[in-house]
Amino acid sequence: MDQQYICLATISDPNEARVAAARLQNEGLAVRVHGEATGPFPVTVGALAETQLWVIAEEADAATAVLEDIGVACTPWDL
C-alpha cells in the first residue's frame, strides 16, 4: 500500500532536524528527512541548510503534537 507523505516542518538547522526526526521515530511515527544538508555533499549555509520533515498524512496530527512539544513550528504542505 502506497502512503502519502506531507511536509510537516522546515527546520533551518540540520542537526535540530535530525533530533526532531529521531523524536518522531521514538514515538513510532514514520518520518522522512529531506534537504541539501542530508546528502552526500552537505550544504549547511543559508536556505540550502533547510531540512524538511515529511510524515505520513494520517499521522500528521500526532506528529504535530510531538514537534510542537519540543518547540518546532509546523506548517504542513503536500505536493
N, C-alpha and C. Protein backbone atom coordinates (compact mmCIF):
# COMPACT_ATOMS: atom_id res chain seq x y z
N MET A 1 0.84 -1.17 0.00
CA MET A 1 0.00 0.00 0.00
C MET A 1 0.89 1.24 0.00
N ASP A 2 0.64 2.16 -0.92
CA ASP A 2 1.42 3.38 -1.04
C ASP A 2 0.80 4.44 -0.14
N GLN A 3 1.61 5.00 0.76
CA GLN A 3 1.12 6.01 1.69
C GLN A 3 1.57 7.39 1.25
N GLN A 4 0.70 8.38 1.45
CA GLN A 4 1.02 9.74 1.07
C GLN A 4 1.74 10.44 2.22
N TYR A 5 2.87 11.06 1.91
CA TYR A 5 3.61 11.83 2.88
C TYR A 5 3.36 13.31 2.66
N ILE A 6 3.37 14.08 3.75
CA ILE A 6 3.27 15.54 3.65
C ILE A 6 4.45 16.15 4.40
N CYS A 7 4.87 17.32 3.96
CA CYS A 7 5.93 18.05 4.64
C CYS A 7 5.30 18.75 5.83
N LEU A 8 5.78 18.42 7.00
CA LEU A 8 5.18 18.96 8.22
C LEU A 8 5.97 20.14 8.77
N ALA A 9 7.28 20.15 8.55
CA ALA A 9 8.10 21.24 9.10
C ALA A 9 9.35 21.43 8.25
N THR A 10 9.81 22.67 8.22
CA THR A 10 11.09 23.00 7.60
C THR A 10 11.94 23.63 8.68
N ILE A 11 13.10 23.04 8.92
CA ILE A 11 13.96 23.46 10.02
C ILE A 11 15.28 23.96 9.44
N SER A 12 15.74 25.12 9.90
CA SER A 12 16.94 25.72 9.32
C SER A 12 18.24 25.07 9.80
N ASP A 13 18.22 24.39 10.93
CA ASP A 13 19.41 23.74 11.46
C ASP A 13 19.32 22.23 11.19
N PRO A 14 20.21 21.68 10.36
CA PRO A 14 20.12 20.25 10.03
C PRO A 14 20.23 19.33 11.24
N ASN A 15 21.03 19.72 12.24
CA ASN A 15 21.15 18.89 13.44
C ASN A 15 19.86 18.90 14.26
N GLU A 16 19.22 20.04 14.34
CA GLU A 16 17.93 20.13 15.03
C GLU A 16 16.89 19.27 14.30
N ALA A 17 16.95 19.26 12.98
CA ALA A 17 16.03 18.45 12.19
C ALA A 17 16.24 16.96 12.47
N ARG A 18 17.49 16.55 12.59
CA ARG A 18 17.78 15.14 12.88
C ARG A 18 17.26 14.75 14.27
N VAL A 19 17.41 15.65 15.24
CA VAL A 19 16.91 15.38 16.59
C VAL A 19 15.37 15.28 16.57
N ALA A 20 14.73 16.19 15.85
CA ALA A 20 13.27 16.16 15.74
C ALA A 20 12.81 14.88 15.06
N ALA A 21 13.50 14.46 14.02
CA ALA A 21 13.15 13.21 13.33
C ALA A 21 13.33 12.02 14.26
N ALA A 22 14.38 12.02 15.04
CA ALA A 22 14.60 10.93 15.99
C ALA A 22 13.49 10.88 17.04
N ARG A 23 13.03 12.04 17.46
CA ARG A 23 11.93 12.09 18.43
C ARG A 23 10.65 11.50 17.83
N LEU A 24 10.37 11.84 16.56
CA LEU A 24 9.20 11.29 15.89
C LEU A 24 9.31 9.77 15.78
N GLN A 25 10.48 9.29 15.39
CA GLN A 25 10.69 7.84 15.27
C GLN A 25 10.55 7.16 16.63
N ASN A 26 11.02 7.81 17.68
CA ASN A 26 10.90 7.27 19.02
C ASN A 26 9.44 7.11 19.44
N GLU A 27 8.58 7.96 18.90
CA GLU A 27 7.14 7.90 19.18
C GLU A 27 6.43 6.90 18.25
N GLY A 28 7.19 6.23 17.39
CA GLY A 28 6.61 5.24 16.49
C GLY A 28 6.05 5.80 15.21
N LEU A 29 6.42 7.03 14.88
CA LEU A 29 5.92 7.68 13.67
C LEU A 29 6.96 7.59 12.56
N ALA A 30 6.49 7.33 11.36
CA ALA A 30 7.38 7.27 10.20
C ALA A 30 7.73 8.69 9.79
N VAL A 31 9.00 8.93 9.48
CA VAL A 31 9.43 10.27 9.07
C VAL A 31 10.50 10.14 8.00
N ARG A 32 10.46 11.06 7.05
CA ARG A 32 11.49 11.18 6.02
C ARG A 32 12.13 12.54 6.15
N VAL A 33 13.45 12.58 6.05
CA VAL A 33 14.20 13.83 6.19
C VAL A 33 14.79 14.17 4.82
N HIS A 34 14.48 15.38 4.33
CA HIS A 34 14.96 15.81 3.01
C HIS A 34 15.63 17.17 3.11
N GLY A 35 16.70 17.34 2.34
CA GLY A 35 17.37 18.63 2.29
C GLY A 35 18.79 18.47 1.80
N GLU A 36 19.37 19.57 1.36
CA GLU A 36 20.74 19.56 0.85
C GLU A 36 21.73 19.15 1.94
N ALA A 37 21.41 19.44 3.18
CA ALA A 37 22.33 19.12 4.28
C ALA A 37 22.37 17.63 4.60
N THR A 38 21.45 16.86 4.05
CA THR A 38 21.41 15.42 4.34
C THR A 38 22.01 14.58 3.22
N GLY A 39 22.47 15.21 2.17
CA GLY A 39 23.01 14.49 1.02
C GLY A 39 24.47 14.12 1.20
N PRO A 40 25.06 13.53 0.17
CA PRO A 40 26.46 13.10 0.25
C PRO A 40 27.44 14.27 0.31
N PHE A 41 27.03 15.43 -0.18
CA PHE A 41 27.85 16.64 -0.13
C PHE A 41 27.04 17.71 0.58
N PRO A 42 26.98 17.65 1.92
CA PRO A 42 26.08 18.53 2.66
C PRO A 42 26.41 20.01 2.50
N VAL A 43 25.37 20.78 2.29
CA VAL A 43 25.48 22.24 2.22
C VAL A 43 24.73 22.77 3.43
N THR A 44 25.42 23.51 4.27
CA THR A 44 24.80 23.96 5.51
C THR A 44 24.85 25.48 5.65
N VAL A 45 24.68 26.19 4.53
CA VAL A 45 24.73 27.64 4.54
C VAL A 45 23.41 28.19 4.00
N GLY A 46 22.85 29.14 4.70
CA GLY A 46 21.65 29.83 4.23
C GLY A 46 20.47 28.90 4.02
N ALA A 47 19.71 29.21 2.98
CA ALA A 47 18.49 28.45 2.69
C ALA A 47 18.79 27.00 2.30
N LEU A 48 19.99 26.74 1.81
CA LEU A 48 20.35 25.36 1.45
C LEU A 48 20.50 24.46 2.67
N ALA A 49 20.62 25.05 3.85
CA ALA A 49 20.72 24.26 5.08
C ALA A 49 19.36 23.79 5.57
N GLU A 50 18.29 24.34 5.01
CA GLU A 50 16.95 23.96 5.46
C GLU A 50 16.69 22.48 5.22
N THR A 51 16.11 21.86 6.21
CA THR A 51 15.80 20.44 6.15
C THR A 51 14.32 20.26 6.40
N GLN A 52 13.68 19.44 5.58
CA GLN A 52 12.24 19.20 5.68
C GLN A 52 11.97 17.86 6.36
N LEU A 53 10.94 17.86 7.20
CA LEU A 53 10.47 16.63 7.82
C LEU A 53 9.14 16.25 7.19
N TRP A 54 9.10 15.08 6.57
CA TRP A 54 7.90 14.57 5.92
C TRP A 54 7.35 13.41 6.72
N VAL A 55 6.04 13.41 6.96
CA VAL A 55 5.39 12.33 7.71
C VAL A 55 4.20 11.81 6.92
N ILE A 56 3.74 10.63 7.28
CA ILE A 56 2.55 10.06 6.65
C ILE A 56 1.35 10.95 6.97
N ALA A 57 0.56 11.27 5.98
CA ALA A 57 -0.55 12.21 6.13
C ALA A 57 -1.47 11.83 7.29
N GLU A 58 -1.76 10.55 7.45
CA GLU A 58 -2.66 10.11 8.52
C GLU A 58 -2.06 10.31 9.90
N GLU A 59 -0.75 10.45 9.99
CA GLU A 59 -0.08 10.63 11.28
C GLU A 59 0.30 12.08 11.55
N ALA A 60 -0.18 12.99 10.71
CA ALA A 60 0.22 14.40 10.80
C ALA A 60 -0.17 15.02 12.14
N ASP A 61 -1.37 14.72 12.64
CA ASP A 61 -1.80 15.32 13.91
C ASP A 61 -0.92 14.86 15.06
N ALA A 62 -0.62 13.58 15.12
CA ALA A 62 0.24 13.05 16.18
C ALA A 62 1.65 13.62 16.06
N ALA A 63 2.16 13.71 14.84
CA ALA A 63 3.50 14.25 14.62
C ALA A 63 3.55 15.73 14.98
N THR A 64 2.51 16.47 14.66
CA THR A 64 2.46 17.89 15.02
C THR A 64 2.53 18.06 16.53
N ALA A 65 1.81 17.25 17.26
CA ALA A 65 1.83 17.33 18.72
C ALA A 65 3.23 17.07 19.27
N VAL A 66 3.92 16.08 18.72
CA VAL A 66 5.28 15.76 19.17
C VAL A 66 6.23 16.92 18.85
N LEU A 67 6.15 17.44 17.64
CA LEU A 67 7.06 18.51 17.24
C LEU A 67 6.80 19.80 18.03
N GLU A 68 5.54 20.14 18.24
CA GLU A 68 5.23 21.35 18.99
C GLU A 68 5.67 21.20 20.45
N ASP A 69 5.66 19.97 20.96
CA ASP A 69 6.11 19.71 22.33
C ASP A 69 7.60 20.03 22.50
N ILE A 70 8.38 19.88 21.42
CA ILE A 70 9.81 20.18 21.50
C ILE A 70 10.15 21.53 20.88
N GLY A 71 9.12 22.32 20.55
CA GLY A 71 9.35 23.69 20.09
C GLY A 71 9.58 23.87 18.60
N VAL A 72 9.14 22.90 17.80
CA VAL A 72 9.28 23.01 16.35
C VAL A 72 7.95 23.47 15.76
N ALA A 73 7.98 24.58 15.03
CA ALA A 73 6.76 25.09 14.41
C ALA A 73 6.41 24.24 13.19
N CYS A 74 5.15 23.91 13.05
CA CYS A 74 4.70 23.07 11.94
C CYS A 74 3.89 23.91 10.96
N THR A 75 4.23 23.76 9.68
CA THR A 75 3.48 24.39 8.60
C THR A 75 3.29 23.35 7.52
N PRO A 76 2.26 22.51 7.63
CA PRO A 76 2.08 21.40 6.69
C PRO A 76 1.81 21.84 5.26
N TRP A 77 2.35 21.07 4.33
CA TRP A 77 2.06 21.22 2.90
C TRP A 77 2.38 19.90 2.21
N ASP A 78 1.73 19.66 1.10
CA ASP A 78 2.00 18.46 0.31
C ASP A 78 2.11 18.85 -1.16
N LEU A 79 2.50 17.87 -1.95
CA LEU A 79 2.66 18.11 -3.39
C LEU A 79 1.38 17.87 -4.13
